[in-house]
């Protein structure tokens, strides 16, 4: 995922904890970053667990302490 983000966006992974990944990106790159993160996580999940569908929840916030969440 890190390589995919670096190749096509200016986004960067800021933090990873267990199954959560915090990515910072300019707002104009959000849709592309969401696609890369979702695709990469599903690909990684399916390489390990093949008989259970992967469900990826993505939340977009302007800042870490923001209550308004744009979920895609």
N, C-alpha and C. Protein backbone atom coordinates (compact mmCIF):
# COMPACT_ATOMS: atom_id res chain seq x y z
N UNK A 1 0.82 -1.18 0.00
CA UNK A 1 0.00 0.00 0.00
C UNK A 1 0.87 1.25 0.00
N UNK A 2 1.90 1.26 0.80
CA UNK A 2 2.76 2.44 0.88
C UNK A 2 3.33 2.79 -0.50
N UNK A 3 3.77 1.77 -1.23
CA UNK A 3 4.34 2.01 -2.55
C UNK A 3 3.28 2.54 -3.52
N UNK A 4 2.08 1.99 -3.47
CA UNK A 4 0.99 2.45 -4.33
C UNK A 4 0.65 3.91 -4.04
N UNK A 5 0.60 4.26 -2.77
CA UNK A 5 0.31 5.64 -2.40
C UNK A 5 1.41 6.58 -2.89
N UNK A 6 2.66 6.18 -2.73
CA UNK A 6 3.78 7.02 -3.13
C UNK A 6 3.85 7.19 -4.65
N UNK A 7 3.45 6.16 -5.39
CA UNK A 7 3.52 6.22 -6.85
C UNK A 7 2.50 7.18 -7.45
N UNK A 8 1.32 7.28 -6.84
CA UNK A 8 0.26 8.03 -7.51
C UNK A 8 -0.35 9.16 -6.69
N UNK A 9 0.12 9.39 -5.47
CA UNK A 9 -0.44 10.46 -4.65
C UNK A 9 0.67 11.09 -3.80
N UNK A 10 0.32 12.16 -3.11
CA UNK A 10 1.25 12.74 -2.14
C UNK A 10 0.85 12.33 -0.72
N UNK A 11 -0.06 11.37 -0.61
CA UNK A 11 -0.51 10.87 0.69
C UNK A 11 0.59 10.08 1.37
N UNK A 12 0.51 10.01 2.70
CA UNK A 12 1.46 9.18 3.43
C UNK A 12 0.77 8.53 4.63
N UNK A 13 1.25 7.36 4.97
CA UNK A 13 0.73 6.63 6.13
C UNK A 13 1.36 7.25 7.36
N UNK A 14 0.51 7.74 8.25
CA UNK A 14 0.97 8.43 9.44
C UNK A 14 1.05 7.49 10.64
N UNK A 15 0.14 6.51 10.69
CA UNK A 15 0.05 5.64 11.85
C UNK A 15 -0.65 4.34 11.48
N UNK A 16 -0.17 3.24 12.01
CA UNK A 16 -0.88 1.96 11.87
C UNK A 16 -0.98 1.32 13.25
N UNK A 17 -2.17 0.86 13.58
CA UNK A 17 -2.41 0.17 14.85
C UNK A 17 -3.33 -1.00 14.56
N UNK A 18 -2.82 -2.20 14.72
CA UNK A 18 -3.58 -3.43 14.47
C UNK A 18 -4.17 -3.40 13.06
N UNK A 19 -5.47 -3.24 12.94
CA UNK A 19 -6.11 -3.25 11.62
C UNK A 19 -6.56 -1.84 11.20
N UNK A 20 -6.00 -0.82 11.81
CA UNK A 20 -6.35 0.56 11.45
C UNK A 20 -5.14 1.25 10.85
N UNK A 21 -5.39 2.05 9.82
CA UNK A 21 -4.33 2.78 9.14
C UNK A 21 -4.76 4.23 9.02
N UNK A 22 -3.93 5.14 9.50
CA UNK A 22 -4.20 6.56 9.39
C UNK A 22 -3.35 7.12 8.25
N UNK A 23 -4.03 7.68 7.24
CA UNK A 23 -3.35 8.22 6.07
C UNK A 23 -3.67 9.71 5.97
N UNK A 24 -2.65 10.52 5.77
CA UNK A 24 -2.86 11.95 5.55
C UNK A 24 -2.70 12.24 4.07
N UNK A 25 -3.63 13.04 3.54
CA UNK A 25 -3.61 13.35 2.12
C UNK A 25 -4.29 14.69 1.85
N UNK A 26 -3.91 15.36 0.79
CA UNK A 26 -4.65 16.56 0.38
C UNK A 26 -6.07 16.18 -0.02
N UNK A 27 -6.99 17.08 0.20
CA UNK A 27 -8.40 16.79 -0.05
C UNK A 27 -8.68 16.41 -1.51
N UNK A 28 -7.95 16.98 -2.45
CA UNK A 28 -8.20 16.67 -3.85
C UNK A 28 -7.79 15.25 -4.24
N UNK A 29 -7.08 14.54 -3.38
CA UNK A 29 -6.65 13.18 -3.66
C UNK A 29 -7.46 12.13 -2.89
N UNK A 30 -8.49 12.55 -2.17
CA UNK A 30 -9.21 11.63 -1.29
C UNK A 30 -9.76 10.41 -2.03
N UNK A 31 -10.44 10.62 -3.14
CA UNK A 31 -11.05 9.48 -3.84
C UNK A 31 -10.01 8.47 -4.30
N UNK A 32 -8.89 8.94 -4.82
CA UNK A 32 -7.83 8.04 -5.26
C UNK A 32 -7.22 7.30 -4.07
N UNK A 33 -7.00 8.01 -2.97
CA UNK A 33 -6.42 7.38 -1.77
C UNK A 33 -7.39 6.35 -1.19
N UNK A 34 -8.67 6.66 -1.15
CA UNK A 34 -9.66 5.69 -0.66
C UNK A 34 -9.61 4.42 -1.50
N UNK A 35 -9.55 4.58 -2.81
CA UNK A 35 -9.48 3.42 -3.69
C UNK A 35 -8.24 2.58 -3.41
N UNK A 36 -7.08 3.22 -3.30
CA UNK A 36 -5.83 2.50 -3.06
C UNK A 36 -5.85 1.79 -1.72
N UNK A 37 -6.30 2.46 -0.67
CA UNK A 37 -6.34 1.86 0.66
C UNK A 37 -7.31 0.67 0.68
N UNK A 38 -8.51 0.88 0.16
CA UNK A 38 -9.52 -0.20 0.16
C UNK A 38 -9.01 -1.40 -0.65
N UNK A 39 -8.49 -1.17 -1.85
CA UNK A 39 -8.00 -2.25 -2.70
C UNK A 39 -6.86 -3.00 -2.02
N UNK A 40 -5.92 -2.26 -1.45
CA UNK A 40 -4.76 -2.88 -0.81
C UNK A 40 -5.15 -3.71 0.40
N UNK A 41 -6.09 -3.20 1.21
CA UNK A 41 -6.51 -3.95 2.40
C UNK A 41 -7.28 -5.21 2.01
N UNK A 42 -8.15 -5.11 1.02
CA UNK A 42 -8.89 -6.29 0.57
C UNK A 42 -7.93 -7.33 -0.01
N UNK A 43 -6.99 -6.86 -0.82
CA UNK A 43 -6.00 -7.77 -1.41
C UNK A 43 -5.20 -8.50 -0.33
N UNK A 44 -4.75 -7.77 0.69
CA UNK A 44 -3.98 -8.37 1.78
C UNK A 44 -4.83 -9.36 2.57
N UNK A 45 -6.06 -8.97 2.89
CA UNK A 45 -6.96 -9.85 3.64
C UNK A 45 -7.22 -11.13 2.87
N UNK A 46 -7.53 -10.99 1.57
CA UNK A 46 -7.86 -12.17 0.76
C UNK A 46 -6.67 -13.08 0.52
N UNK A 47 -5.47 -12.58 0.67
CA UNK A 47 -4.30 -13.45 0.52
C UNK A 47 -4.12 -14.35 1.74
N UNK A 48 -4.75 -14.00 2.85
CA UNK A 48 -4.63 -14.79 4.08
C UNK A 48 -5.91 -15.58 4.35
N UNK A 49 -7.04 -14.92 4.24
CA UNK A 49 -8.34 -15.53 4.55
C UNK A 49 -9.17 -15.51 3.28
N UNK A 50 -9.41 -16.68 2.71
CA UNK A 50 -10.05 -16.74 1.41
C UNK A 50 -11.55 -17.03 1.45
N UNK A 51 -12.05 -17.54 2.55
CA UNK A 51 -13.46 -17.96 2.59
C UNK A 51 -14.38 -16.98 3.34
N UNK A 52 -13.87 -15.80 3.69
CA UNK A 52 -14.67 -14.79 4.39
C UNK A 52 -14.52 -13.47 3.63
N UNK A 53 -15.61 -12.81 3.30
CA UNK A 53 -15.48 -11.54 2.58
C UNK A 53 -14.87 -10.45 3.46
N UNK A 54 -14.01 -9.66 2.87
CA UNK A 54 -13.39 -8.54 3.58
C UNK A 54 -14.34 -7.35 3.60
N UNK A 55 -14.47 -6.71 4.76
CA UNK A 55 -15.27 -5.50 4.89
C UNK A 55 -14.33 -4.40 5.36
N UNK A 56 -14.22 -3.36 4.57
CA UNK A 56 -13.30 -2.27 4.87
C UNK A 56 -14.12 -1.00 5.11
N UNK A 57 -14.00 -0.41 6.29
CA UNK A 57 -14.66 0.85 6.61
C UNK A 57 -13.62 1.97 6.51
N UNK A 58 -13.96 3.01 5.80
CA UNK A 58 -13.05 4.14 5.65
C UNK A 58 -13.76 5.40 6.13
N UNK A 59 -13.08 6.16 6.98
CA UNK A 59 -13.60 7.42 7.50
C UNK A 59 -12.65 8.53 7.07
N UNK A 60 -13.22 9.64 6.64
CA UNK A 60 -12.43 10.79 6.22
C UNK A 60 -12.75 11.97 7.15
N UNK A 61 -11.71 12.54 7.76
CA UNK A 61 -11.89 13.67 8.66
C UNK A 61 -10.94 14.78 8.29
N UNK A 62 -11.29 16.01 8.64
CA UNK A 62 -10.38 17.14 8.42
C UNK A 62 -9.28 17.18 9.46
N UNK A 63 -9.58 16.68 10.66
CA UNK A 63 -8.57 16.63 11.71
C UNK A 63 -8.89 15.46 12.64
N UNK A 64 -7.94 15.09 13.47
CA UNK A 64 -8.09 13.93 14.34
C UNK A 64 -9.19 14.11 15.37
N UNK A 65 -9.44 15.33 15.80
CA UNK A 65 -10.43 15.54 16.85
C UNK A 65 -11.79 15.98 16.30
N UNK A 66 -12.00 15.82 15.03
CA UNK A 66 -13.24 16.25 14.41
C UNK A 66 -14.37 15.23 14.63
N UNK A 67 -15.56 15.74 14.84
CA UNK A 67 -16.73 14.86 15.01
C UNK A 67 -17.43 14.54 13.70
N UNK A 68 -17.40 15.47 12.74
CA UNK A 68 -18.02 15.23 11.45
C UNK A 68 -17.16 14.24 10.67
N UNK A 69 -17.78 13.18 10.23
CA UNK A 69 -17.06 12.13 9.53
C UNK A 69 -17.72 11.89 8.18
N UNK A 70 -16.89 11.87 7.15
CA UNK A 70 -17.35 11.53 5.81
C UNK A 70 -16.99 10.08 5.58
N UNK A 71 -17.97 9.22 5.53
CA UNK A 71 -17.70 7.77 5.40
C UNK A 71 -17.97 7.35 3.96
N UNK A 72 -17.04 6.62 3.42
CA UNK A 72 -17.17 6.15 2.06
C UNK A 72 -16.99 4.67 1.98
